[in-house]
Amino acid sequence: MDFVCDAPGGKTWFQLTSEAEAIAESSLMGHAVEKHFRQFGEQAAASYAPSMSLPYIERDIGLKDHVRRMMPLFLTLRDGEGGGLATAMLPSPDPHGGRVRPIVVGVANTDPWPEHGSAIKALAAHFKIPLDSAVCYPYRRG
């Protein structure tokens, strides 16, 4: 995981950078982030077009960076002891990256805003994007 930003209350946002981390996040948080991480990774890999002027053995050298740029950002909010609090999926900051609706969920897909709203605001400020619960929490009943 890569550090992203600190949040109020001793909380910290980290970016999930591997499928193994996404699998661990799904297990810890009781939701399906691993499935989405894998699907977006496969889509990004399929969009990779290496230069045909490169020797065959060198064509996939840029694949990992391409996938990372094209994929949405998958983030986890952790407390001071490393406990999982919320998971977020944000659009890739790369202008050529795929566009997705930002999603933020808590443990077992619960609404994280009541307990972690200030941490979500810190994430929104860090990336300079709005993260409104009415748009970003997909399981709202109403």
N, C-alpha and C. Protein backbone atom coordinates (compact mmCIF):
# COMPACT_ATOMS: atom_id res chain seq x y z
N MET A 1 0.84 -1.18 0.00
CA MET A 1 0.00 0.00 0.00
C MET A 1 0.89 1.24 0.00
N ASP A 2 0.39 2.28 -0.63
CA ASP A 2 1.11 3.55 -0.67
C ASP A 2 0.34 4.58 0.15
N PHE A 3 1.06 5.35 0.95
CA PHE A 3 0.47 6.44 1.72
C PHE A 3 -0.14 7.46 0.77
N VAL A 4 -1.35 7.95 1.10
CA VAL A 4 -2.00 8.99 0.31
C VAL A 4 -2.09 10.28 1.13
N CYS A 5 -2.78 10.24 2.27
CA CYS A 5 -2.90 11.44 3.10
C CYS A 5 -3.40 11.07 4.49
N ASP A 6 -3.10 11.94 5.43
CA ASP A 6 -3.63 11.78 6.79
C ASP A 6 -5.03 12.37 6.84
N ALA A 7 -5.79 11.91 7.82
CA ALA A 7 -7.15 12.39 8.04
C ALA A 7 -7.33 12.64 9.53
N PRO A 8 -8.33 13.43 9.89
CA PRO A 8 -8.57 13.71 11.31
C PRO A 8 -8.80 12.43 12.12
N GLY A 9 -8.50 12.52 13.41
CA GLY A 9 -8.76 11.41 14.31
C GLY A 9 -7.73 10.30 14.23
N GLY A 10 -6.51 10.60 13.77
CA GLY A 10 -5.47 9.58 13.69
C GLY A 10 -5.70 8.56 12.59
N LYS A 11 -6.50 8.92 11.58
CA LYS A 11 -6.79 8.01 10.47
C LYS A 11 -5.90 8.36 9.28
N THR A 12 -5.70 7.38 8.40
CA THR A 12 -4.83 7.57 7.24
C THR A 12 -5.42 6.87 6.03
N TRP A 13 -5.32 7.53 4.89
CA TRP A 13 -5.72 6.93 3.62
C TRP A 13 -4.49 6.34 2.93
N PHE A 14 -4.65 5.12 2.40
CA PHE A 14 -3.61 4.45 1.64
C PHE A 14 -4.19 3.99 0.31
N GLN A 15 -3.36 3.91 -0.72
CA GLN A 15 -3.79 3.38 -2.01
C GLN A 15 -3.44 1.90 -2.09
N LEU A 16 -4.41 1.10 -2.52
CA LEU A 16 -4.16 -0.32 -2.78
C LEU A 16 -3.44 -0.42 -4.12
N THR A 17 -2.31 -1.10 -4.15
CA THR A 17 -1.49 -1.12 -5.36
C THR A 17 -1.35 -2.50 -5.99
N SER A 18 -1.93 -3.52 -5.38
CA SER A 18 -1.81 -4.86 -5.94
C SER A 18 -3.10 -5.64 -5.73
N GLU A 19 -3.25 -6.68 -6.52
CA GLU A 19 -4.42 -7.54 -6.38
C GLU A 19 -4.42 -8.21 -5.01
N ALA A 20 -3.25 -8.56 -4.51
CA ALA A 20 -3.17 -9.18 -3.17
C ALA A 20 -3.69 -8.23 -2.10
N GLU A 21 -3.38 -6.95 -2.21
CA GLU A 21 -3.90 -5.97 -1.25
C GLU A 21 -5.41 -5.83 -1.39
N ALA A 22 -5.92 -5.87 -2.62
CA ALA A 22 -7.37 -5.78 -2.84
C ALA A 22 -8.07 -7.01 -2.26
N ILE A 23 -7.46 -8.18 -2.38
CA ILE A 23 -8.04 -9.40 -1.80
C ILE A 23 -8.09 -9.27 -0.28
N ALA A 24 -7.00 -8.79 0.32
CA ALA A 24 -6.97 -8.60 1.77
C ALA A 24 -8.00 -7.57 2.21
N GLU A 25 -8.17 -6.51 1.44
CA GLU A 25 -9.16 -5.47 1.76
C GLU A 25 -10.57 -6.06 1.72
N SER A 26 -10.87 -6.86 0.70
CA SER A 26 -12.19 -7.50 0.61
C SER A 26 -12.46 -8.37 1.83
N SER A 27 -11.47 -9.12 2.23
CA SER A 27 -11.62 -10.00 3.39
C SER A 27 -11.80 -9.20 4.68
N LEU A 28 -10.98 -8.18 4.86
CA LEU A 28 -11.05 -7.35 6.06
C LEU A 28 -12.36 -6.58 6.16
N MET A 29 -12.80 -6.05 5.02
CA MET A 29 -13.94 -5.14 5.02
C MET A 29 -15.27 -5.80 4.67
N GLY A 30 -15.26 -7.03 4.21
CA GLY A 30 -16.51 -7.73 3.91
C GLY A 30 -17.24 -7.17 2.71
N HIS A 31 -16.50 -6.85 1.66
CA HIS A 31 -17.12 -6.40 0.42
C HIS A 31 -16.31 -6.87 -0.78
N ALA A 32 -16.65 -6.42 -1.98
CA ALA A 32 -16.10 -7.00 -3.21
C ALA A 32 -15.09 -6.11 -3.93
N VAL A 33 -14.30 -5.33 -3.22
CA VAL A 33 -13.34 -4.46 -3.90
C VAL A 33 -12.37 -5.27 -4.75
N GLU A 34 -12.05 -6.46 -4.31
CA GLU A 34 -11.13 -7.32 -5.06
C GLU A 34 -11.66 -7.59 -6.47
N LYS A 35 -12.96 -7.85 -6.60
CA LYS A 35 -13.56 -8.12 -7.90
C LYS A 35 -13.42 -6.91 -8.81
N HIS A 36 -13.69 -5.73 -8.29
CA HIS A 36 -13.61 -4.50 -9.09
C HIS A 36 -12.16 -4.18 -9.45
N PHE A 37 -11.24 -4.36 -8.51
CA PHE A 37 -9.82 -4.12 -8.77
C PHE A 37 -9.37 -5.02 -9.93
N ARG A 38 -9.75 -6.28 -9.89
CA ARG A 38 -9.37 -7.23 -10.93
C ARG A 38 -9.99 -6.84 -12.27
N GLN A 39 -11.28 -6.51 -12.29
CA GLN A 39 -11.95 -6.17 -13.55
C GLN A 39 -11.33 -4.93 -14.20
N PHE A 40 -11.10 -3.88 -13.40
CA PHE A 40 -10.52 -2.67 -13.97
C PHE A 40 -9.07 -2.91 -14.40
N GLY A 41 -8.35 -3.76 -13.68
CA GLY A 41 -6.99 -4.10 -14.08
C GLY A 41 -6.96 -4.82 -15.41
N GLU A 42 -7.88 -5.76 -15.60
CA GLU A 42 -7.97 -6.48 -16.87
C GLU A 42 -8.33 -5.55 -18.01
N GLN A 43 -9.27 -4.62 -17.78
CA GLN A 43 -9.65 -3.65 -18.81
C GLN A 43 -8.46 -2.77 -19.18
N ALA A 44 -7.73 -2.31 -18.18
CA ALA A 44 -6.58 -1.45 -18.43
C ALA A 44 -5.50 -2.21 -19.20
N ALA A 45 -5.24 -3.45 -18.83
CA ALA A 45 -4.24 -4.25 -19.53
C ALA A 45 -4.64 -4.49 -20.98
N ALA A 46 -5.92 -4.71 -21.21
CA ALA A 46 -6.40 -4.94 -22.58
C ALA A 46 -6.26 -3.69 -23.45
N SER A 47 -6.23 -2.52 -22.83
CA SER A 47 -6.11 -1.28 -23.60
C SER A 47 -4.65 -0.91 -23.91
N TYR A 48 -3.72 -1.70 -23.43
CA TYR A 48 -2.30 -1.42 -23.63
C TYR A 48 -1.91 -1.73 -25.07
N ALA A 49 -1.27 -0.77 -25.73
CA ALA A 49 -0.82 -0.95 -27.11
C ALA A 49 0.68 -0.63 -27.16
N PRO A 50 1.52 -1.64 -27.01
CA PRO A 50 2.96 -1.40 -27.03
C PRO A 50 3.43 -0.99 -28.43
N SER A 51 4.53 -0.30 -28.46
CA SER A 51 5.11 0.09 -29.74
C SER A 51 5.57 -1.15 -30.49
N MET A 52 5.14 -1.27 -31.71
CA MET A 52 5.53 -2.43 -32.51
C MET A 52 6.98 -2.31 -32.98
N SER A 53 7.59 -1.14 -32.80
CA SER A 53 8.99 -0.97 -33.19
C SER A 53 9.94 -1.56 -32.15
N LEU A 54 9.42 -1.87 -30.97
CA LEU A 54 10.25 -2.48 -29.94
C LEU A 54 10.47 -3.96 -30.22
N PRO A 55 11.60 -4.49 -29.83
CA PRO A 55 11.78 -5.94 -29.93
C PRO A 55 10.71 -6.64 -29.09
N TYR A 56 10.28 -7.83 -29.53
CA TYR A 56 9.20 -8.55 -28.88
C TYR A 56 9.40 -8.65 -27.37
N ILE A 57 10.59 -8.94 -26.94
CA ILE A 57 10.86 -9.16 -25.52
C ILE A 57 10.68 -7.89 -24.67
N GLU A 58 10.71 -6.72 -25.30
CA GLU A 58 10.60 -5.44 -24.58
C GLU A 58 9.20 -4.83 -24.64
N ARG A 59 8.29 -5.43 -25.35
CA ARG A 59 6.99 -4.80 -25.59
C ARG A 59 6.15 -4.59 -24.35
N ASP A 60 6.27 -5.42 -23.34
CA ASP A 60 5.43 -5.28 -22.15
C ASP A 60 6.11 -4.53 -21.01
N ILE A 61 7.24 -3.90 -21.29
CA ILE A 61 7.96 -3.17 -20.24
C ILE A 61 7.08 -2.06 -19.64
N GLY A 62 6.29 -1.38 -20.43
CA GLY A 62 5.44 -0.29 -19.94
C GLY A 62 4.06 -0.71 -19.47
N LEU A 63 3.76 -2.01 -19.51
CA LEU A 63 2.41 -2.48 -19.18
C LEU A 63 2.01 -2.13 -17.75
N LYS A 64 2.86 -2.39 -16.79
CA LYS A 64 2.52 -2.16 -15.38
C LYS A 64 2.20 -0.68 -15.13
N ASP A 65 3.02 0.22 -15.67
CA ASP A 65 2.76 1.65 -15.51
C ASP A 65 1.47 2.06 -16.21
N HIS A 66 1.23 1.50 -17.38
CA HIS A 66 0.00 1.81 -18.12
C HIS A 66 -1.23 1.41 -17.31
N VAL A 67 -1.21 0.21 -16.76
CA VAL A 67 -2.34 -0.27 -15.97
C VAL A 67 -2.56 0.63 -14.77
N ARG A 68 -1.51 0.99 -14.09
CA ARG A 68 -1.63 1.84 -12.90
C ARG A 68 -2.22 3.22 -13.25
N ARG A 69 -1.83 3.78 -14.40
CA ARG A 69 -2.36 5.08 -14.82
C ARG A 69 -3.82 5.01 -15.24
N MET A 70 -4.21 3.94 -15.89
CA MET A 70 -5.56 3.83 -16.45
C MET A 70 -6.61 3.40 -15.43
N MET A 71 -6.19 2.67 -14.43
CA MET A 71 -7.15 2.14 -13.44
C MET A 71 -7.66 3.24 -12.52
N PRO A 72 -8.88 3.07 -12.03
CA PRO A 72 -9.33 3.95 -10.94
C PRO A 72 -8.40 3.75 -9.74
N LEU A 73 -8.42 4.72 -8.84
CA LEU A 73 -7.66 4.59 -7.60
C LEU A 73 -8.49 3.82 -6.60
N PHE A 74 -7.91 2.83 -5.98
CA PHE A 74 -8.55 2.07 -4.92
C PHE A 74 -7.85 2.42 -3.63
N LEU A 75 -8.62 2.91 -2.66
CA LEU A 75 -8.04 3.42 -1.42
C LEU A 75 -8.69 2.79 -0.21
N THR A 76 -7.93 2.75 0.88
CA THR A 76 -8.44 2.24 2.13
C THR A 76 -8.15 3.24 3.24
N LEU A 77 -9.12 3.42 4.11
CA LEU A 77 -8.97 4.26 5.29
C LEU A 77 -8.67 3.35 6.47
N ARG A 78 -7.58 3.65 7.18
CA ARG A 78 -7.17 2.83 8.32
C ARG A 78 -7.06 3.68 9.57
N ASP A 79 -7.32 3.03 10.71
CA ASP A 79 -7.13 3.70 11.99
C ASP A 79 -5.67 3.57 12.40
N GLY A 80 -5.32 4.09 13.57
CA GLY A 80 -3.94 4.09 14.03
C GLY A 80 -3.34 2.72 14.24
N GLU A 81 -4.17 1.70 14.41
CA GLU A 81 -3.68 0.33 14.59
C GLU A 81 -3.76 -0.48 13.30
N GLY A 82 -4.15 0.15 12.21
CA GLY A 82 -4.24 -0.53 10.92
C GLY A 82 -5.59 -1.16 10.64
N GLY A 83 -6.57 -0.93 11.50
CA GLY A 83 -7.90 -1.47 11.28
C GLY A 83 -8.59 -0.80 10.10
N GLY A 84 -9.32 -1.59 9.33
CA GLY A 84 -10.04 -1.07 8.17
C GLY A 84 -11.29 -0.31 8.56
N LEU A 85 -11.48 0.87 7.96
CA LEU A 85 -12.62 1.73 8.28
C LEU A 85 -13.52 2.01 7.07
N ALA A 86 -12.91 2.20 5.90
CA ALA A 86 -13.66 2.51 4.69
C ALA A 86 -12.80 2.18 3.48
N THR A 87 -13.46 1.99 2.35
CA THR A 87 -12.78 1.73 1.08
C THR A 87 -13.36 2.70 0.06
N ALA A 88 -12.48 3.24 -0.79
CA ALA A 88 -12.92 4.18 -1.82
C ALA A 88 -12.39 3.76 -3.18
N MET A 89 -13.17 4.06 -4.22
CA MET A 89 -12.73 3.93 -5.60
C MET A 89 -12.95 5.29 -6.24
N LEU A 90 -11.86 5.90 -6.72
CA LEU A 90 -11.93 7.23 -7.32
C LEU A 90 -11.44 7.16 -8.76
N PRO A 91 -11.90 8.08 -9.60
CA PRO A 91 -11.42 8.09 -10.98
C PRO A 91 -9.90 8.27 -11.03
N SER A 92 -9.29 7.70 -12.05
CA SER A 92 -7.86 7.89 -12.27
C SER A 92 -7.58 9.37 -12.48
N PRO A 93 -6.50 9.88 -11.88
CA PRO A 93 -6.16 11.29 -12.14
C PRO A 93 -5.59 11.50 -13.54
N ASP A 94 -5.23 10.43 -14.24
CA ASP A 94 -4.71 10.54 -15.60
C ASP A 94 -5.85 10.95 -16.53
N PRO A 95 -5.66 11.98 -17.35
CA PRO A 95 -6.75 12.41 -18.24
C PRO A 95 -7.18 11.35 -19.24
N HIS A 96 -6.33 10.35 -19.49
CA HIS A 96 -6.69 9.28 -20.42
C HIS A 96 -7.24 8.05 -19.69
N GLY A 97 -7.24 8.11 -18.36
CA GLY A 97 -7.75 7.00 -17.56
C GLY A 97 -9.25 6.87 -17.69
N GLY A 98 -9.73 5.70 -17.36
CA GLY A 98 -11.16 5.46 -17.42
C GLY A 98 -11.91 6.30 -16.39
N ARG A 99 -13.09 6.73 -16.75
CA ARG A 99 -13.92 7.52 -15.85
C ARG A 99 -14.87 6.61 -15.11
N VAL A 100 -14.90 6.75 -13.81
CA VAL A 100 -15.84 6.01 -12.98
C VAL A 100 -16.45 6.97 -11.98
N ARG A 101 -17.62 6.59 -11.51
CA ARG A 101 -18.25 7.36 -10.43
C ARG A 101 -17.52 7.03 -9.13
N PRO A 102 -17.13 8.04 -8.37
CA PRO A 102 -16.48 7.76 -7.09
C PRO A 102 -17.42 6.98 -6.17
N ILE A 103 -16.86 6.01 -5.47
CA ILE A 103 -17.62 5.20 -4.53
C ILE A 103 -16.84 5.12 -3.23
N VAL A 104 -17.54 5.28 -2.10
CA VAL A 104 -16.93 5.13 -0.79
C VAL A 104 -17.90 4.31 0.06
N VAL A 105 -17.38 3.20 0.61
CA VAL A 105 -18.21 2.33 1.44
C VAL A 105 -17.45 1.97 2.72
N GLY A 106 -18.22 1.61 3.74
CA GLY A 106 -17.65 1.16 4.99
C GLY A 106 -17.62 -0.35 5.06
N VAL A 107 -17.40 -0.86 6.25
CA VAL A 107 -17.38 -2.30 6.48
C VAL A 107 -18.71 -2.91 6.03
N ALA A 108 -18.64 -4.00 5.28
CA ALA A 108 -19.82 -4.70 4.77
C ALA A 108 -20.75 -3.78 3.98
N ASN A 109 -20.16 -2.84 3.25
CA ASN A 109 -20.89 -1.89 2.40
C ASN A 109 -21.80 -0.94 3.17
N THR A 110 -21.51 -0.68 4.44
CA THR A 110 -22.30 0.28 5.21
C THR A 110 -21.91 1.70 4.81
N ASP A 111 -22.73 2.64 5.21
CA ASP A 111 -22.48 4.06 4.93
C ASP A 111 -21.37 4.57 5.84
N PRO A 112 -20.23 4.98 5.29
CA PRO A 112 -19.11 5.43 6.13
C PRO A 112 -19.21 6.89 6.57
N TRP A 113 -20.11 7.68 5.98
CA TRP A 113 -20.15 9.12 6.28
C TRP A 113 -20.46 9.45 7.74
N PRO A 114 -21.40 8.81 8.38
CA PRO A 114 -21.68 9.21 9.76
C PRO A 114 -20.45 9.12 10.68
N GLU A 115 -19.66 8.09 10.52
CA GLU A 115 -18.51 7.90 11.41
C GLU A 115 -17.21 8.46 10.85
N HIS A 116 -17.06 8.50 9.52
CA HIS A 116 -15.78 8.87 8.92
C HIS A 116 -15.89 10.03 7.92
N GLY A 117 -16.93 10.83 8.06
CA GLY A 117 -17.15 11.95 7.14
C GLY A 117 -15.98 12.91 7.06
N SER A 118 -15.35 13.22 8.19
CA SER A 118 -14.23 14.16 8.16
C SER A 118 -13.03 13.55 7.44
N ALA A 119 -12.85 12.25 7.54
CA ALA A 119 -11.76 11.59 6.82
C ALA A 119 -12.04 11.58 5.31
N ILE A 120 -13.29 11.40 4.95
CA ILE A 120 -13.66 11.43 3.53
C ILE A 120 -13.48 12.84 2.97
N LYS A 121 -13.80 13.85 3.77
CA LYS A 121 -13.56 15.24 3.35
C LYS A 121 -12.07 15.49 3.14
N ALA A 122 -11.22 14.91 3.98
CA ALA A 122 -9.77 15.07 3.83
C ALA A 122 -9.31 14.44 2.51
N LEU A 123 -9.88 13.28 2.16
CA LEU A 123 -9.54 12.62 0.90
C LEU A 123 -9.99 13.48 -0.28
N ALA A 124 -11.20 14.02 -0.19
CA ALA A 124 -11.72 14.89 -1.26
C ALA A 124 -10.83 16.12 -1.44
N ALA A 125 -10.40 16.71 -0.34
CA ALA A 125 -9.52 17.88 -0.42
C ALA A 125 -8.17 17.50 -1.03
N HIS A 126 -7.66 16.35 -0.67
CA HIS A 126 -6.37 15.90 -1.19
C HIS A 126 -6.40 15.78 -2.71
N PHE A 127 -7.47 15.17 -3.24
CA PHE A 127 -7.58 14.96 -4.69
C PHE A 127 -8.31 16.10 -5.40
N LYS A 128 -8.81 17.06 -4.62
CA LYS A 128 -9.53 18.21 -5.18
C LYS A 128 -10.72 17.76 -6.04
N ILE A 129 -11.51 16.83 -5.47
CA ILE A 129 -12.73 16.36 -6.12
C ILE A 129 -13.84 16.30 -5.08
N PRO A 130 -15.09 16.49 -5.49
CA PRO A 130 -16.19 16.36 -4.53
C PRO A 130 -16.46 14.89 -4.21
N LEU A 131 -16.68 14.61 -2.95
CA LEU A 131 -17.08 13.26 -2.52
C LEU A 131 -18.30 13.42 -1.63
N ASP A 132 -19.45 13.52 -2.26
CA ASP A 132 -20.71 13.72 -1.58
C ASP A 132 -21.37 12.36 -1.34
N SER A 133 -21.86 12.14 -0.14
CA SER A 133 -22.45 10.84 0.19
C SER A 133 -23.65 10.51 -0.71
N ALA A 134 -24.39 11.50 -1.15
CA ALA A 134 -25.55 11.25 -2.00
C ALA A 134 -25.14 10.66 -3.35
N VAL A 135 -23.92 10.95 -3.79
CA VAL A 135 -23.43 10.45 -5.08
C VAL A 135 -22.51 9.25 -4.90
N CYS A 136 -21.69 9.27 -3.85
CA CYS A 136 -20.61 8.29 -3.70
C CYS A 136 -20.97 7.05 -2.89
N TYR A 137 -22.09 7.07 -2.19
CA TYR A 137 -22.49 5.89 -1.45
C TYR A 137 -23.58 5.18 -2.24
N PRO A 138 -23.25 4.05 -2.92
CA PRO A 138 -24.19 3.45 -3.86
C PRO A 138 -25.36 2.67 -3.26
N TYR A 139 -25.35 2.45 -1.95
CA TYR A 139 -26.38 1.60 -1.34
C TYR A 139 -27.41 2.39 -0.55
N ARG A 140 -27.50 3.67 -0.80
CA ARG A 140 -28.43 4.53 -0.10
C ARG A 140 -29.85 4.10 -0.40
N ARG A 141 -30.61 3.95 0.62
CA ARG A 141 -32.03 3.61 0.49
C ARG A 141 -32.84 4.92 0.54
N GLY A 142 -33.84 5.01 -0.27
CA GLY A 142 -34.60 6.23 -0.18
C GLY A 142 -35.70 6.37 -1.09
